Amino acid sequence: MKSITEKEIGRINELYHKQKAGTLTPEEAAEQAQLRKDYIAAIRASLRGSLETVKIQEPDGTMIDVKERHDKKYPGGEH
């Protein structure tokens, strides 16, 4: 998963302002949609990576990874 660059974030903002002004071309609208999709994917990947390092203390005192707990609760990749 690639991360989003400051240049791409700047372009997202530039296209947003063009959209608000009503001067966004169809090609720019397609570019905006792709950039937003890439941005959301990068955010999700970053969040998932962060969450997978979190540990939860069970009532019995043992520590368990969030991912391990999720896999126990939703076997087979559900949810």
Protein backbone atom coordinates (compact mmCIF):
# COMPACT_ATOMS: atom_id res chain seq x y z
CA MET A 1 0.00 0.00 0.00
CA LYS A 2 1.45 3.32 -0.99
CA SER A 3 1.22 6.30 1.25
CA ILE A 4 -0.25 9.59 0.11
CA THR A 5 2.16 12.48 -0.47
CA GLU A 6 1.82 16.13 0.51
CA LYS A 7 1.69 16.93 -3.21
CA GLU A 8 -1.30 14.61 -3.66
CA ILE A 9 -3.06 16.13 -0.64
CA GLY A 10 -2.45 19.56 -2.14
CA ARG A 11 -3.96 18.39 -5.42
CA ILE A 12 -7.02 16.99 -3.60
CA ASN A 13 -7.54 20.38 -1.97
CA GLU A 14 -6.99 22.23 -5.25
CA LEU A 15 -9.58 20.07 -7.00
CA TYR A 16 -11.99 20.54 -4.09
CA HIS A 17 -11.78 24.32 -4.47
CA LYS A 18 -12.32 24.04 -8.23
CA GLN A 19 -15.35 21.86 -7.55
CA LYS A 20 -16.78 24.42 -5.11
CA ALA A 21 -16.19 27.18 -7.69
CA GLY A 22 -17.97 25.10 -10.36
CA THR A 23 -14.95 24.96 -12.67
CA LEU A 24 -14.05 21.28 -12.32
CA THR A 25 -13.73 19.48 -15.68
CA PRO A 26 -14.88 15.85 -16.13
CA GLU A 27 -11.22 14.76 -16.33
CA GLU A 28 -10.45 16.57 -13.09
CA ALA A 29 -13.52 15.01 -11.46
CA ALA A 30 -12.20 11.56 -12.37
CA GLU A 31 -8.75 12.49 -11.01
CA GLN A 32 -10.38 13.80 -7.82
CA ALA A 33 -12.31 10.55 -7.34
CA GLN A 34 -9.16 8.46 -7.77
CA LEU A 35 -7.11 10.66 -5.43
CA ARG A 36 -9.84 10.45 -2.78
CA LYS A 37 -9.99 6.67 -3.18
CA ASP A 38 -6.19 6.43 -2.78
CA TYR A 39 -6.29 8.76 0.25
CA ILE A 40 -8.97 6.70 2.01
CA ALA A 41 -7.07 3.46 1.28
CA ALA A 42 -3.89 4.96 2.76
CA ILE A 43 -5.73 6.13 5.89
CA ARG A 44 -7.33 2.71 6.36
CA ALA A 45 -3.99 0.93 5.94
CA SER A 46 -2.37 3.26 8.46
CA LEU A 47 -5.19 2.78 10.97
CA ARG A 48 -5.14 -0.99 10.52
CA GLY A 49 -1.38 -1.04 11.11
CA SER A 50 -1.79 1.01 14.27
CA LEU A 51 -4.63 -1.11 15.62
CA GLU A 52 -2.72 -4.33 15.05
CA THR A 53 -0.10 -3.18 17.56
CA VAL A 54 -2.67 -2.54 20.31
CA LYS A 55 -2.98 -5.09 23.08
CA ILE A 56 -6.05 -5.71 25.25
CA GLN A 57 -5.93 -7.10 28.77
CA GLU A 58 -8.41 -9.93 29.22
CA PRO A 59 -10.34 -10.33 32.50
CA ASP A 60 -7.94 -13.13 33.52
CA GLY A 61 -4.99 -10.73 33.15
CA THR A 62 -3.58 -12.12 29.92
CA MET A 63 -2.72 -9.76 27.10
CA ILE A 64 -4.09 -10.34 23.60
CA ASP A 65 -3.53 -8.55 20.30
CA VAL A 66 -6.54 -6.72 18.85
CA LYS A 67 -6.09 -8.68 15.61
CA GLU A 68 -6.01 -11.99 17.51
CA ARG A 69 -9.16 -11.02 19.43
CA HIS A 70 -10.89 -10.00 16.21
CA ASP A 71 -9.92 -13.28 14.54
CA LYS A 72 -11.34 -15.22 17.50
CA LYS A 73 -14.58 -13.24 17.47
CA TYR A 74 -15.00 -13.35 13.67
CA PRO A 75 -13.42 -16.59 12.38
CA GLY A 76 -13.15 -16.98 8.63
CA GLY A 77 -12.62 -13.27 7.95
CA GLU A 78 -16.20 -12.27 8.66
CA HIS A 79 -17.04 -8.66 9.51
